[in-house]
Amino acid sequence: MLRRRREPVPFAFVAEADRFRSDVPVPPPVKRAGIGEIAGRALVGVLIVAGLVGAVVFGIPAMQLTDDPGSAQHTP
């Protein structure tokens, strides 16, 4: 009769899992933004919005159609 050698349960690592839990890297804590960084972000946002508004304000006259016959240029 062949005898099988008894080996430990292959799932024994589950019992030891708590011991290795500390090996998992923990992400660093999130650094809070300072007053200068918040002010800089706000300034960049205001600058972008002002640029878009300025482009629309200056672009509207160029997009308007004129049906005025006096404003059309005629070549002689």
N, C-alpha and C. Protein backbone atom coordinates (compact mmCIF):
# COMPACT_ATOMS: atom_id res chain seq x y z
N MET A 1 0.84 -1.16 0.00
CA MET A 1 0.00 0.00 0.00
C MET A 1 0.90 1.24 0.00
N LEU A 2 0.59 2.15 -0.89
CA LEU A 2 1.37 3.37 -0.98
C LEU A 2 0.86 4.37 0.03
N ARG A 3 1.81 4.94 0.70
CA ARG A 3 1.44 5.97 1.69
C ARG A 3 1.77 7.34 1.14
N ARG A 4 0.86 8.24 1.28
CA ARG A 4 1.12 9.62 0.89
C ARG A 4 1.64 10.38 2.10
N ARG A 5 2.63 11.15 1.83
CA ARG A 5 3.16 11.96 2.92
C ARG A 5 2.23 13.14 3.15
N ARG A 6 1.89 13.35 4.38
CA ARG A 6 0.99 14.47 4.70
C ARG A 6 1.78 15.77 4.69
N GLU A 7 1.28 16.70 3.92
CA GLU A 7 1.89 18.01 3.87
C GLU A 7 0.93 19.00 4.49
N PRO A 8 1.44 20.15 4.90
CA PRO A 8 0.54 21.14 5.47
C PRO A 8 -0.46 21.62 4.42
N VAL A 9 -1.53 22.12 4.91
CA VAL A 9 -2.58 22.61 4.01
C VAL A 9 -2.00 23.70 3.12
N PRO A 10 -2.26 23.65 1.83
CA PRO A 10 -1.67 24.65 0.95
C PRO A 10 -2.20 26.07 1.21
N PHE A 11 -3.27 26.18 1.97
CA PHE A 11 -3.82 27.49 2.26
C PHE A 11 -3.36 28.02 3.61
N ALA A 12 -2.26 27.52 4.09
CA ALA A 12 -1.75 27.98 5.37
C ALA A 12 -1.31 29.44 5.30
N PHE A 13 -1.01 29.94 4.11
CA PHE A 13 -0.58 31.33 3.98
C PHE A 13 -1.70 32.29 4.38
N VAL A 14 -2.95 31.85 4.31
CA VAL A 14 -4.06 32.71 4.68
C VAL A 14 -3.98 33.05 6.17
N ALA A 15 -3.57 32.09 6.97
CA ALA A 15 -3.45 32.33 8.40
C ALA A 15 -2.32 33.30 8.70
N GLU A 16 -1.33 33.35 7.85
CA GLU A 16 -0.19 34.24 8.07
C GLU A 16 -0.33 35.56 7.32
N ALA A 17 -1.45 35.80 6.68
CA ALA A 17 -1.63 36.99 5.85
C ALA A 17 -1.54 38.27 6.68
N ASP A 18 -2.03 38.24 7.90
CA ASP A 18 -1.99 39.44 8.73
C ASP A 18 -0.56 39.87 9.03
N ARG A 19 0.31 38.93 9.10
CA ARG A 19 1.70 39.26 9.40
C ARG A 19 2.34 40.03 8.25
N PHE A 20 1.94 39.78 7.02
CA PHE A 20 2.53 40.42 5.86
C PHE A 20 1.76 41.65 5.39
N ARG A 21 0.70 41.98 6.06
CA ARG A 21 -0.13 43.10 5.64
C ARG A 21 0.65 44.42 5.71
N SER A 22 1.62 44.51 6.57
CA SER A 22 2.37 45.76 6.71
C SER A 22 3.35 45.97 5.56
N ASP A 23 3.56 44.95 4.72
CA ASP A 23 4.47 45.09 3.60
C ASP A 23 3.84 45.87 2.44
N VAL A 24 2.54 46.05 2.47
CA VAL A 24 1.87 46.77 1.39
C VAL A 24 2.19 48.25 1.52
N PRO A 25 2.70 48.87 0.45
CA PRO A 25 3.05 50.29 0.56
C PRO A 25 1.81 51.16 0.73
N VAL A 26 1.91 52.10 1.62
CA VAL A 26 0.82 53.02 1.90
C VAL A 26 1.10 54.31 1.14
N PRO A 27 0.12 54.83 0.41
CA PRO A 27 0.37 56.08 -0.32
C PRO A 27 0.64 57.22 0.65
N PRO A 28 1.46 58.17 0.23
CA PRO A 28 1.77 59.28 1.14
C PRO A 28 0.52 60.14 1.36
N PRO A 29 0.46 60.80 2.48
CA PRO A 29 -0.71 61.66 2.74
C PRO A 29 -0.77 62.81 1.74
N VAL A 30 -1.99 63.24 1.45
CA VAL A 30 -2.18 64.32 0.48
C VAL A 30 -1.76 65.64 1.11
N LYS A 31 -0.89 66.36 0.40
CA LYS A 31 -0.40 67.63 0.91
C LYS A 31 -1.43 68.71 0.59
N ARG A 32 -1.78 69.50 1.57
CA ARG A 32 -2.77 70.56 1.38
C ARG A 32 -2.12 71.74 0.68
N ALA A 33 -2.90 72.37 -0.19
CA ALA A 33 -2.40 73.52 -0.94
C ALA A 33 -2.33 74.74 -0.02
N GLY A 34 -1.27 75.52 -0.19
CA GLY A 34 -1.10 76.73 0.60
C GLY A 34 -1.88 77.88 0.00
N ILE A 35 -1.85 79.01 0.69
CA ILE A 35 -2.60 80.19 0.24
C ILE A 35 -2.06 80.69 -1.10
N GLY A 36 -0.75 80.68 -1.26
CA GLY A 36 -0.15 81.15 -2.51
C GLY A 36 -0.55 80.27 -3.69
N GLU A 37 -0.59 78.96 -3.47
CA GLU A 37 -0.96 78.05 -4.55
C GLU A 37 -2.43 78.22 -4.93
N ILE A 38 -3.29 78.41 -3.94
CA ILE A 38 -4.71 78.63 -4.21
C ILE A 38 -4.90 79.94 -4.97
N ALA A 39 -4.19 80.98 -4.55
CA ALA A 39 -4.29 82.28 -5.23
C ALA A 39 -3.78 82.17 -6.67
N GLY A 40 -2.72 81.43 -6.88
CA GLY A 40 -2.18 81.24 -8.22
C GLY A 40 -3.16 80.52 -9.13
N ARG A 41 -3.79 79.48 -8.61
CA ARG A 41 -4.78 78.75 -9.40
C ARG A 41 -5.97 79.64 -9.74
N ALA A 42 -6.40 80.46 -8.78
CA ALA A 42 -7.53 81.37 -9.02
C ALA A 42 -7.15 82.40 -10.08
N LEU A 43 -5.93 82.90 -10.02
CA LEU A 43 -5.47 83.89 -10.99
C LEU A 43 -5.41 83.30 -12.39
N VAL A 44 -4.94 82.09 -12.51
CA VAL A 44 -4.90 81.44 -13.81
C VAL A 44 -6.31 81.22 -14.34
N GLY A 45 -7.24 80.82 -13.48
CA GLY A 45 -8.63 80.64 -13.90
C GLY A 45 -9.26 81.93 -14.37
N VAL A 46 -9.03 83.01 -13.64
CA VAL A 46 -9.57 84.31 -14.04
C VAL A 46 -8.96 84.75 -15.36
N LEU A 47 -7.68 84.51 -15.55
CA LEU A 47 -7.00 84.88 -16.79
C LEU A 47 -7.58 84.13 -17.99
N ILE A 48 -7.85 82.86 -17.82
CA ILE A 48 -8.42 82.06 -18.91
C ILE A 48 -9.83 82.54 -19.26
N VAL A 49 -10.65 82.78 -18.24
CA VAL A 49 -12.01 83.26 -18.47
C VAL A 49 -11.98 84.63 -19.14
N ALA A 50 -11.10 85.52 -18.69
CA ALA A 50 -11.00 86.85 -19.29
C ALA A 50 -10.56 86.75 -20.75
N GLY A 51 -9.67 85.84 -21.05
CA GLY A 51 -9.23 85.66 -22.44
C GLY A 51 -10.36 85.18 -23.33
N LEU A 52 -11.16 84.24 -22.83
CA LEU A 52 -12.30 83.76 -23.62
C LEU A 52 -13.34 84.85 -23.82
N VAL A 53 -13.64 85.60 -22.77
CA VAL A 53 -14.61 86.70 -22.89
C VAL A 53 -14.09 87.75 -23.87
N GLY A 54 -12.83 88.08 -23.78
CA GLY A 54 -12.24 89.07 -24.70
C GLY A 54 -12.29 88.59 -26.14
N ALA A 55 -12.03 87.31 -26.37
CA ALA A 55 -12.10 86.78 -27.72
C ALA A 55 -13.51 86.87 -28.28
N VAL A 56 -14.50 86.61 -27.44
CA VAL A 56 -15.89 86.71 -27.91
C VAL A 56 -16.25 88.17 -28.18
N VAL A 57 -15.87 89.07 -27.28
CA VAL A 57 -16.21 90.48 -27.45
C VAL A 57 -15.58 91.05 -28.72
N PHE A 58 -14.33 90.73 -28.98
CA PHE A 58 -13.67 91.24 -30.18
C PHE A 58 -14.07 90.47 -31.44
N GLY A 59 -14.57 89.26 -31.27
CA GLY A 59 -14.94 88.45 -32.42
C GLY A 59 -16.34 88.69 -32.93
N ILE A 60 -17.23 89.17 -32.08
CA ILE A 60 -18.62 89.39 -32.49
C ILE A 60 -18.73 90.38 -33.65
N PRO A 61 -18.07 91.54 -33.62
CA PRO A 61 -18.19 92.46 -34.76
C PRO A 61 -17.68 91.85 -36.06
N ALA A 62 -16.70 91.01 -36.00
CA ALA A 62 -16.16 90.41 -37.21
C ALA A 62 -17.11 89.37 -37.79
N MET A 63 -17.96 88.80 -36.98
CA MET A 63 -18.87 87.78 -37.46
C MET A 63 -20.22 88.34 -37.92
N GLN A 64 -20.49 89.60 -37.68
CA GLN A 64 -21.76 90.18 -38.07
C GLN A 64 -21.79 90.44 -39.57
N LEU A 65 -22.92 90.13 -40.17
CA LEU A 65 -23.09 90.37 -41.59
C LEU A 65 -23.61 91.79 -41.80
N THR A 66 -23.08 92.47 -42.77
CA THR A 66 -23.57 93.82 -43.07
C THR A 66 -24.24 93.80 -44.43
N ASP A 67 -25.48 94.26 -44.48
CA ASP A 67 -26.22 94.35 -45.73
C ASP A 67 -26.27 95.80 -46.23
N ASP A 68 -25.45 96.63 -45.64
CA ASP A 68 -25.41 98.04 -46.00
C ASP A 68 -24.71 98.20 -47.36
N PRO A 69 -25.38 98.72 -48.38
CA PRO A 69 -24.71 98.85 -49.67
C PRO A 69 -23.60 99.91 -49.64
N GLY A 70 -23.67 100.84 -48.73
CA GLY A 70 -22.64 101.88 -48.64
C GLY A 70 -21.34 101.39 -48.05
N SER A 71 -21.42 100.31 -47.30
CA SER A 71 -20.21 99.82 -46.65
C SER A 71 -19.44 98.84 -47.54
N ALA A 72 -20.08 98.38 -48.61
CA ALA A 72 -19.40 97.45 -49.51
C ALA A 72 -18.38 98.19 -50.36
N GLN A 73 -17.25 97.57 -50.60
CA GLN A 73 -16.22 98.19 -51.41
C GLN A 73 -16.43 97.79 -52.88
N HIS A 74 -16.37 98.79 -53.76
CA HIS A 74 -16.51 98.52 -55.19
C HIS A 74 -15.19 98.86 -55.87
N THR A 75 -14.81 98.03 -56.78
CA THR A 75 -13.59 98.34 -57.54
C THR A 75 -13.99 99.06 -58.82
N PRO A 76 -13.32 100.17 -59.17
CA PRO A 76 -13.71 100.93 -60.38
C PRO A 76 -13.33 100.26 -61.66
